[in-house]
């Protein structure tokens, strides 16, 4: 094999998943990240919270299907970040952006790198034009002032002046399983993110999460009201059998 023979044909692409039911996504959009996390834990799914990324701008909330993007450690005999404007356009980063469909949440594996600016102004601007719902990346973004002006919901670990392949990582694959913030995210999984952070909802569990969350969030409304009226925390959070019966009477009007 000659040194200039390609070892891998990049970018690597997995199989694009089927689109979720839009009504399911809409209903999931009413569920908080905290409630989704709790209900998945009750189903035995323990690692769902994407640890590390925080909202670039607070007060935003998203729910949508995951479009996954995988950065990998850079190895110069395979892929190098030299000549960024000519190299990155042929990577999984550009390809993933072209694959964005309205409502997608881009979920990115970047190892918490403090040096890799996975997205900047132009890329986020294009993502917005494609109709993407938001980005969750366990790594950094760049061009932060301009990106904030775009008002695209982003959860990231920080900011950096570097472009995506300038230092230690390279955009490798998309529509593949990724590890984002310690959580496995599969293409087509659903994502819920708000000021508490981002949660990966396995697609096959989403309907059960939505159903369980509806009851949970409704009884929390009841419990808040009772606590503000002077009720005991131990009676109303969580509900006891007695206060559950009281809640059912309240709910029925």
C-alpha atoms as a PDB file:
ATOM      1  CA  UNK A   1       0.000   0.000   0.000  1.00  0.00           C
ATOM      2  CA  UNK A   2       1.322   3.419  -0.940  1.00  0.00           C
ATOM      3  CA  UNK A   3       1.398   6.129   1.746  1.00  0.00           C
ATOM      4  CA  UNK A   4      -1.139   8.185  -0.176  1.00  0.00           C
ATOM      5  CA  UNK A   5      -3.625   5.324  -0.651  1.00  0.00           C
ATOM      6  CA  UNK A   6      -6.797   5.964   1.399  1.00  0.00           C
ATOM      7  CA  UNK A   7      -7.187   3.681   4.419  1.00  0.00           C
ATOM      8  CA  UNK A   8     -10.765   4.804   5.002  1.00  0.00           C
ATOM      9  CA  UNK A   9     -13.237   6.374   2.666  1.00  0.00           C
ATOM     10  CA  UNK A  10     -14.478   9.379   4.606  1.00  0.00           C
ATOM     11  CA  UNK A  11     -16.985  10.427   5.677  1.00  0.00           C
ATOM     12  CA  UNK A  12     -18.411   7.244   7.159  1.00  0.00           C
ATOM     13  CA  UNK A  13     -22.206   7.099   7.159  1.00  0.00           C
ATOM     14  CA  UNK A  14     -24.485   4.699   8.972  1.00  0.00           C
ATOM     15  CA  UNK A  15     -28.066   3.892   8.078  1.00  0.00           C
ATOM     16  CA  UNK A  16     -30.437   6.823   8.329  1.00  0.00           C
ATOM     17  CA  UNK A  17     -33.309   5.985  10.714  1.00  0.00           C
ATOM     18  CA  UNK A  18     -36.996   6.257   9.993  1.00  0.00           C
ATOM     19  CA  UNK A  19     -38.575   9.547  11.017  1.00  0.00           C
ATOM     20  CA  UNK A  20     -40.562   9.493  14.282  1.00  0.00           C
ATOM     21  CA  UNK A  21     -44.250  10.260  14.477  1.00  0.00           C
ATOM     22  CA  UNK A  22     -44.504  14.084  14.568  1.00  0.00           C
ATOM     23  CA  UNK A  23     -47.292  13.859  17.123  1.00  0.00           C
ATOM     24  CA  UNK A  24     -45.052  11.869  19.464  1.00  0.00           C
ATOM     25  CA  UNK A  25     -42.341  14.522  19.119  1.00  0.00           C
ATOM     26  CA  UNK A  26     -44.884  17.261  19.819  1.00  0.00           C
ATOM     27  CA  UNK A  27     -46.077  15.513  22.977  1.00  0.00           C
ATOM     28  CA  UNK A  28     -42.513  14.863  24.105  1.00  0.00           C
ATOM     29  CA  UNK A  29     -41.852  18.578  23.687  1.00  0.00           C
ATOM     30  CA  UNK A  30     -44.138  19.184  26.671  1.00  0.00           C
ATOM     31  CA  UNK A  31     -42.011  16.947  28.912  1.00  0.00           C
ATOM     32  CA  UNK A  32     -39.177  18.478  30.920  1.00  0.00           C
ATOM     33  CA  UNK A  33     -35.694  16.985  30.812  1.00  0.00           C
ATOM     34  CA  UNK A  34     -35.942  16.220  34.536  1.00  0.00           C
ATOM     35  CA  UNK A  35     -39.203  14.321  34.135  1.00  0.00           C
ATOM     36  CA  UNK A  36     -37.973  12.415  31.080  1.00  0.00           C
ATOM     37  CA  UNK A  37     -34.828  11.413  32.979  1.00  0.00           C
ATOM     38  CA  UNK A  38     -36.840  10.289  36.015  1.00  0.00           C
ATOM     39  CA  UNK A  39     -39.330   8.265  33.988  1.00  0.00           C
ATOM     40  CA  UNK A  40     -36.573   6.520  32.048  1.00  0.00           C
ATOM     41  CA  UNK A  41     -34.838   5.691  35.328  1.00  0.00           C
ATOM     42  CA  UNK A  42     -38.087   4.139  36.547  1.00  0.00           C
ATOM     43  CA  UNK A  43     -38.018   1.969  33.407  1.00  0.00           C
ATOM     44  CA  UNK A  44     -34.492   0.798  34.230  1.00  0.00           C
ATOM     45  CA  UNK A  45     -32.613   3.093  31.824  1.00  0.00           C
ATOM     46  CA  UNK A  46     -30.069   4.725  34.118  1.00  0.00           C
ATOM     47  CA  UNK A  47     -27.709   6.692  31.847  1.00  0.00           C
ATOM     48  CA  UNK A  48     -29.761   9.232  29.902  1.00  0.00           C
ATOM     49  CA  UNK A  49     -28.484  12.631  31.100  1.00  0.00           C
ATOM     50  CA  UNK A  50     -25.810  14.049  28.786  1.00  0.00           C
ATOM     51  CA  UNK A  51     -23.206  15.129  31.309  1.00  0.00           C
ATOM     52  CA  UNK A  52     -21.209  18.272  30.552  1.00  0.00           C
ATOM     53  CA  UNK A  53     -23.076  20.319  27.948  1.00  0.00           C
ATOM     54  CA  UNK A  54     -24.940  23.349  29.268  1.00  0.00           C
ATOM     55  CA  UNK A  55     -27.248  25.730  27.412  1.00  0.00           C
ATOM     56  CA  UNK A  56     -25.384  28.415  25.507  1.00  0.00           C
ATOM     57  CA  UNK A  57     -28.475  30.567  26.046  1.00  0.00           C
ATOM     58  CA  UNK A  58     -30.871  29.821  28.893  1.00  0.00           C
ATOM     59  CA  UNK A  59     -34.639  29.683  28.570  1.00  0.00           C
ATOM     60  CA  UNK A  60     -34.741  27.431  25.513  1.00  0.00           C
ATOM     61  CA  UNK A  61     -36.300  23.984  25.193  1.00  0.00           C
ATOM     62  CA  UNK A  62     -36.238  21.419  22.397  1.00  0.00           C
ATOM     63  CA  UNK A  63     -37.428  17.926  21.579  1.00  0.00           C
ATOM     64  CA  UNK A  64     -36.626  16.070  18.387  1.00  0.00           C
ATOM     65  CA  UNK A  65     -34.997  13.072  16.732  1.00  0.00           C
ATOM     66  CA  UNK A  66     -31.246  12.646  17.019  1.00  0.00           C
ATOM     67  CA  UNK A  67     -29.024  13.113  13.995  1.00  0.00           C
ATOM     68  CA  UNK A  68     -25.695  11.834  15.278  1.00  0.00           C
ATOM     69  CA  UNK A  69     -22.206  13.081  14.425  1.00  0.00           C
ATOM     70  CA  UNK A  70     -19.022  11.416  15.595  1.00  0.00           C
ATOM     71  CA  UNK A  71     -15.679  13.163  16.003  1.00  0.00           C
ATOM     72  CA  UNK A  72     -12.671  10.879  16.430  1.00  0.00           C
ATOM     73  CA  UNK A  73      -9.066  11.480  17.487  1.00  0.00           C
ATOM     74  CA  UNK A  74      -7.090  12.993  14.637  1.00  0.00           C
ATOM     75  CA  UNK A  75      -4.389  10.880  13.008  1.00  0.00           C
ATOM     76  CA  UNK A  76      -2.518  12.702  10.332  1.00  0.00           C
ATOM     77  CA  UNK A  77      -1.877   9.742   8.032  1.00  0.00           C
ATOM     78  CA  UNK A  78      -5.649   9.347   7.624  1.00  0.00           C
ATOM     79  CA  UNK A  79      -7.141  12.794   8.097  1.00  0.00           C
ATOM     80  CA  UNK A  80      -5.627  16.119   9.010  1.00  0.00           C
ATOM     81  CA  UNK A  81      -7.118  19.501   9.769  1.00  0.00           C
ATOM     82  CA  UNK A  82      -4.555  21.312   7.616  1.00  0.00           C
ATOM     83  CA  UNK A  83      -6.168  23.477   4.957  1.00  0.00           C
ATOM     84  CA  UNK A  84      -9.449  23.677   6.853  1.00  0.00           C
ATOM     85  CA  UNK A  85     -11.617  25.292   4.188  1.00  0.00           C
ATOM     86  CA  UNK A  86     -10.685  22.602   1.667  1.00  0.00           C
ATOM     87  CA  UNK A  87     -10.667  19.585   3.981  1.00  0.00           C
ATOM     88  CA  UNK A  88     -13.681  20.003   6.259  1.00  0.00           C
ATOM     89  CA  UNK A  89     -16.165  20.370   3.395  1.00  0.00           C
ATOM     90  CA  UNK A  90     -15.471  16.707   2.575  1.00  0.00           C
ATOM     91  CA  UNK A  91     -15.951  15.456   6.136  1.00  0.00           C
ATOM     92  CA  UNK A  92     -18.828  14.053   8.159  1.00  0.00           C
ATOM     93  CA  UNK A  93     -19.388  17.541   9.580  1.00  0.00           C
ATOM     94  CA  UNK A  94     -20.480  18.969   6.222  1.00  0.00           C
ATOM     95  CA  UNK A  95     -22.292  15.751   5.286  1.00  0.00           C
ATOM     96  CA  UNK A  96     -24.285  15.708   8.533  1.00  0.00           C
ATOM     97  CA  UNK A  97     -25.378  19.301   7.975  1.00  0.00           C
ATOM     98  CA  UNK A  98     -26.570  18.391   4.486  1.00  0.00           C
ATOM     99  CA  UNK A  99     -28.548  15.499   6.008  1.00  0.00           C
ATOM    100  CA  UNK A 100     -30.405  17.724   8.502  1.00  0.00           C
ATOM    101  CA  UNK A 101     -34.186  17.553   8.239  1.00  0.00           C
ATOM    102  CA  UNK A 102     -36.611  19.951   9.926  1.00  0.00           C
ATOM    103  CA  UNK A 103     -36.847  19.247  13.640  1.00  0.00           C
ATOM    104  CA  UNK A 104     -33.581  17.300  13.916  1.00  0.00           C
ATOM    105  CA  UNK A 105     -31.370  17.588  16.979  1.00  0.00           C
ATOM    106  CA  UNK A 106     -27.692  17.189  16.129  1.00  0.00           C
ATOM    107  CA  UNK A 107     -26.064  15.040  18.837  1.00  0.00           C
ATOM    108  CA  UNK A 108     -22.279  15.196  18.691  1.00  0.00           C
ATOM    109  CA  UNK A 109     -19.540  13.080  20.244  1.00  0.00           C
ATOM    110  CA  UNK A 110     -16.538  15.327  20.900  1.00  0.00           C
ATOM    111  CA  UNK A 111     -15.017  13.866  24.101  1.00  0.00           C
ATOM    112  CA  UNK A 112     -15.439  17.110  26.036  1.00  0.00           C
ATOM    113  CA  UNK A 113     -12.561  18.605  24.043  1.00  0.00           C
ATOM    114  CA  UNK A 114     -11.702  22.149  25.090  1.00  0.00           C
ATOM    115  CA  UNK A 115      -9.840  22.755  21.823  1.00  0.00           C
ATOM    116  CA  UNK A 116     -12.209  21.623  19.087  1.00  0.00           C
ATOM    117  CA  UNK A 117     -14.763  24.203  17.935  1.00  0.00           C
ATOM    118  CA  UNK A 118     -17.261  21.777  16.470  1.00  0.00           C
ATOM    119  CA  UNK A 119     -19.547  24.501  15.065  1.00  0.00           C
ATOM    120  CA  UNK A 120     -19.229  28.174  14.282  1.00  0.00           C
ATOM    121  CA  UNK A 121     -21.332  30.954  12.842  1.00  0.00           C
ATOM    122  CA  UNK A 122     -21.587  29.688   9.245  1.00  0.00           C
ATOM    123  CA  UNK A 123     -22.331  26.078  10.169  1.00  0.00           C
ATOM    124  CA  UNK A 124     -24.958  26.974  12.766  1.00  0.00           C
ATOM    125  CA  UNK A 125     -26.468  29.456  10.333  1.00  0.00           C
ATOM    126  CA  UNK A 126     -26.805  26.692   7.727  1.00  0.00           C
ATOM    127  CA  UNK A 127     -28.220  24.303  10.335  1.00  0.00           C
ATOM    128  CA  UNK A 128     -30.889  26.890  11.130  1.00  0.00           C
ATOM    129  CA  UNK A 129     -31.731  27.356   7.443  1.00  0.00           C
ATOM    130  CA  UNK A 130     -32.193  23.584   7.125  1.00  0.00           C
ATOM    131  CA  UNK A 131     -34.751  23.660   9.940  1.00  0.00           C
ATOM    132  CA  UNK A 132     -32.713  21.980  12.675  1.00  0.00           C
ATOM    133  CA  UNK A 133     -34.215  22.184  16.156  1.00  0.00           C
ATOM    134  CA  UNK A 134     -31.005  22.333  18.195  1.00  0.00           C
ATOM    135  CA  UNK A 135     -27.508  20.993  18.856  1.00  0.00           C
ATOM    136  CA  UNK A 136     -26.178  18.953  21.781  1.00  0.00           C
ATOM    137  CA  UNK A 137     -22.393  18.567  21.736  1.00  0.00           C
ATOM    138  CA  UNK A 138     -20.064  17.354  24.473  1.00  0.00           C
ATOM    139  CA  UNK A 139     -17.490  19.817  23.210  1.00  0.00           C
ATOM    140  CA  UNK A 140     -17.095  23.458  22.271  1.00  0.00           C
ATOM    141  CA  UNK A 141     -18.401  25.889  19.690  1.00  0.00           C
ATOM    142  CA  UNK A 142     -16.761  29.035  18.319  1.00  0.00           C
ATOM    143  CA  UNK A 143     -17.999  32.448  17.115  1.00  0.00           C
ATOM    144  CA  UNK A 144     -20.122  32.578  20.254  1.00  0.00           C
ATOM    145  CA  UNK A 145     -21.462  36.169  19.894  1.00  0.00           C
ATOM    146  CA  UNK A 146     -22.734  35.563  16.354  1.00  0.00           C
ATOM    147  CA  UNK A 147     -24.045  32.105  17.214  1.00  0.00           C
ATOM    148  CA  UNK A 148     -26.054  33.523  20.113  1.00  0.00           C
ATOM    149  CA  UNK A 149     -27.621  36.039  17.738  1.00  0.00           C
ATOM    150  CA  UNK A 150     -28.870  33.162  15.567  1.00  0.00           C
ATOM    151  CA  UNK A 151     -31.021  31.962  18.490  1.00  0.00           C
ATOM    152  CA  UNK A 152     -30.417  28.286  17.732  1.00  0.00           C
ATOM    153  CA  UNK A 153     -30.720  26.241  20.945  1.00  0.00           C
ATOM    154  CA  UNK A 154     -27.274  24.808  21.696  1.00  0.00           C
ATOM    155  CA  UNK A 155     -25.987  22.751  24.611  1.00  0.00           C
ATOM    156  CA  UNK A 156     -22.177  22.650  24.705  1.00  0.00           C
ATOM    157  CA  UNK A 157     -19.303  22.492  27.182  1.00  0.00           C
ATOM    158  CA  UNK A 158     -17.853  25.890  26.312  1.00  0.00           C
ATOM    159  CA  UNK A 159     -16.308  28.032  23.614  1.00  0.00           C
ATOM    160  CA  UNK A 160     -12.975  28.099  21.796  1.00  0.00           C
ATOM    161  CA  UNK A 161     -11.385  30.099  18.947  1.00  0.00           C
ATOM    162  CA  UNK A 162     -10.442  26.882  17.114  1.00  0.00           C
ATOM    163  CA  UNK A 163     -12.188  25.498  14.063  1.00  0.00           C
ATOM    164  CA  UNK A 164     -13.457  21.917  14.066  1.00  0.00           C
ATOM    165  CA  UNK A 165     -10.340  20.042  12.921  1.00  0.00           C
ATOM    166  CA  UNK A 166      -7.672  22.508  14.035  1.00  0.00           C
ATOM    167  CA  UNK A 167      -6.230  20.452  16.862  1.00  0.00           C
ATOM    168  CA  UNK A 168      -7.043  16.978  18.179  1.00  0.00           C
ATOM    169  CA  UNK A 169     -10.295  15.744  16.614  1.00  0.00           C
ATOM    170  CA  UNK A 170     -11.676  15.145  13.136  1.00  0.00           C
ATOM    171  CA  UNK A 171     -15.295  14.784  11.956  1.00  0.00           C
ATOM    172  CA  UNK A 172     -15.430  11.081  11.146  1.00  0.00           C
ATOM    173  CA  UNK A 173     -18.944   9.658  10.798  1.00  0.00           C
ATOM    174  CA  UNK A 174     -22.639  10.467  11.002  1.00  0.00           C
ATOM    175  CA  UNK A 175     -25.856   8.493  11.447  1.00  0.00           C
ATOM    176  CA  UNK A 176     -23.869   6.135  13.669  1.00  0.00           C
ATOM    177  CA  UNK A 177     -24.022   5.363  17.416  1.00  0.00           C
ATOM    178  CA  UNK A 178     -22.223   8.022  19.450  1.00  0.00           C
ATOM    179  CA  UNK A 179     -21.204   8.486  23.069  1.00  0.00           C
ATOM    180  CA  UNK A 180     -22.228  12.017  24.020  1.00  0.00           C
ATOM    181  CA  UNK A 181     -21.556  13.114  27.578  1.00  0.00           C
ATOM    182  CA  UNK A 182     -21.333   9.527  28.779  1.00  0.00           C
ATOM    183  CA  UNK A 183     -24.632   8.486  27.155  1.00  0.00           C
ATOM    184  CA  UNK A 184     -25.199   6.203  24.187  1.00  0.00           C
ATOM    185  CA  UNK A 185     -27.200   7.981  21.492  1.00  0.00           C
ATOM    186  CA  UNK A 186     -28.445   6.043  18.491  1.00  0.00           C
ATOM    187  CA  UNK A 187     -29.624   7.628  15.243  1.00  0.00           C
ATOM    188  CA  UNK A 188     -33.336   8.296  15.615  1.00  0.00           C
ATOM    189  CA  UNK A 189     -33.364   8.330  19.406  1.00  0.00           C
ATOM    190  CA  UNK A 190     -35.250  11.315  20.753  1.00  0.00           C
ATOM    191  CA  UNK A 191     -33.709  14.219  22.622  1.00  0.00           C
ATOM    192  CA  UNK A 192     -35.267  16.472  25.247  1.00  0.00           C
ATOM    193  CA  UNK A 193     -33.224  19.462  26.424  1.00  0.00           C
ATOM    194  CA  UNK A 194     -33.932  22.497  28.577  1.00  0.00           C
ATOM    195  CA  UNK A 195     -32.158  24.550  31.236  1.00  0.00           C
ATOM    196  CA  UNK A 196     -31.490  21.373  33.274  1.00  0.00           C
ATOM    197  CA  UNK A 197     -29.553  19.840  30.386  1.00  0.00           C
ATOM    198  CA  UNK A 198     -30.099  17.268  27.650  1.00  0.00           C
ATOM    199  CA  UNK A 199     -31.596  13.781  27.978  1.00  0.00           C
ATOM    200  CA  UNK A 200     -31.491  10.990  25.395  1.00  0.00           C
ATOM    201  CA  UNK A 201     -34.823   9.169  25.164  1.00  0.00           C
ATOM    202  CA  UNK A 202     -34.541   5.735  23.516  1.00  0.00           C
ATOM    203  CA  UNK A 203     -36.984   5.736  20.652  1.00  0.00           C
ATOM    204  CA  UNK A 204     -38.777   2.571  21.764  1.00  0.00           C
ATOM    205  CA  UNK A 205     -39.324   4.074  25.217  1.00  0.00           C
ATOM    206  CA  UNK A 206     -40.560   7.483  24.098  1.00  0.00           C
ATOM    207  CA  UNK A 207     -44.285   6.691  24.101  1.00  0.00           C
ATOM    208  CA  UNK A 208     -44.103   5.242  27.626  1.00  0.00           C
ATOM    209  CA  UNK A 209     -42.151   8.303  28.802  1.00  0.00           C
ATOM    210  CA  UNK A 210     -44.758  10.664  27.374  1.00  0.00           C
ATOM    211  CA  UNK A 211     -47.628   8.775  29.003  1.00  0.00           C
ATOM    212  CA  UNK A 212     -45.926   8.557  32.401  1.00  0.00           C
ATOM    213  CA  UNK A 213     -44.793  12.178  32.248  1.00  0.00           C
ATOM    214  CA  UNK A 214     -48.303  13.466  31.635  1.00  0.00           C
ATOM    215  CA  UNK A 215     -49.543  12.085  34.932  1.00  0.00           C
ATOM    216  CA  UNK A 216     -46.360  13.056  36.786  1.00  0.00           C
ATOM    217  CA  UNK A 217     -46.360  16.671  35.712  1.00  0.00           C
ATOM    218  CA  UNK A 218     -50.075  17.025  36.385  1.00  0.00           C
ATOM    219  CA  UNK A 219     -49.839  15.769  39.958  1.00  0.00           C
ATOM    220  CA  UNK A 220     -46.880  18.056  40.526  1.00  0.00           C
ATOM    221  CA  UNK A 221     -49.181  20.996  39.696  1.00  0.00           C
ATOM    222  CA  UNK A 222     -51.545  19.715  42.368  1.00  0.00           C
ATOM    223  CA  UNK A 223     -48.711  19.169  44.869  1.00  0.00           C
ATOM    224  CA  UNK A 224     -47.279  22.652  44.354  1.00  0.00           C
ATOM    225  CA  UNK A 225     -50.662  24.158  45.074  1.00  0.00           C
ATOM    226  CA  UNK A 226     -51.106  22.103  48.250  1.00  0.00           C
ATOM    227  CA  UNK A 227     -47.583  22.898  49.511  1.00  0.00           C
ATOM    228  CA  UNK A 228     -48.125  26.613  48.899  1.00  0.00           C
ATOM    229  CA  UNK A 229     -51.325  26.297  50.943  1.00  0.00           C
ATOM    230  CA  UNK A 230     -49.292  24.899  53.844  1.00  0.00           C
ATOM    231  CA  UNK A 231     -49.465  21.168  53.163  1.00  0.00           C
ATOM    232  CA  UNK A 232     -46.690  18.886  54.446  1.00  0.00           C
ATOM    233  CA  UNK A 233     -43.938  18.003  51.964  1.00  0.00           C
ATOM    234  CA  UNK A 234     -44.030  14.376  53.104  1.00  0.00           C
ATOM    235  CA  UNK A 235     -47.729  14.204  52.206  1.00  0.00           C
ATOM    236  CA  UNK A 236     -47.524  15.799  48.789  1.00  0.00           C
ATOM    237  CA  UNK A 237     -44.087  14.996  47.373  1.00  0.00           C
ATOM    238  CA  UNK A 238     -44.336  12.292  46.332  1.00  0.00           C
ATOM    239  CA  UNK A 239     -47.995  11.556  46.807  1.00  0.00           C
ATOM    240  CA  UNK A 240     -49.061   9.067  49.461  1.00  0.00           C
ATOM    241  CA  UNK A 241     -51.995   6.711  48.841  1.00  0.00           C
ATOM    242  CA  UNK A 242     -54.214   9.174  50.706  1.00  0.00           C
ATOM    243  CA  UNK A 243     -53.043  12.270  48.839  1.00  0.00           C
ATOM    244  CA  UNK A 244     -53.100  10.342  45.573  1.00  0.00           C
ATOM    245  CA  UNK A 245     -56.813   9.781  46.143  1.00  0.00           C
ATOM    246  CA  UNK A 246     -57.153  13.485  46.942  1.00  0.00           C
ATOM    247  CA  UNK A 247     -55.332  14.304  43.701  1.00  0.00           C
ATOM    248  CA  UNK A 248     -57.674  12.070  41.677  1.00  0.00           C
ATOM    249  CA  UNK A 249     -60.673  13.916  43.098  1.00  0.00           C
ATOM    250  CA  UNK A 250     -58.988  17.240  42.304  1.00  0.00           C
ATOM    251  CA  UNK A 251     -58.178  16.128  38.763  1.00  0.00           C
ATOM    252  CA  UNK A 252     -61.735  15.066  38.053  1.00  0.00           C
ATOM    253  CA  UNK A 253     -62.893  18.507  39.003  1.00  0.00           C
END
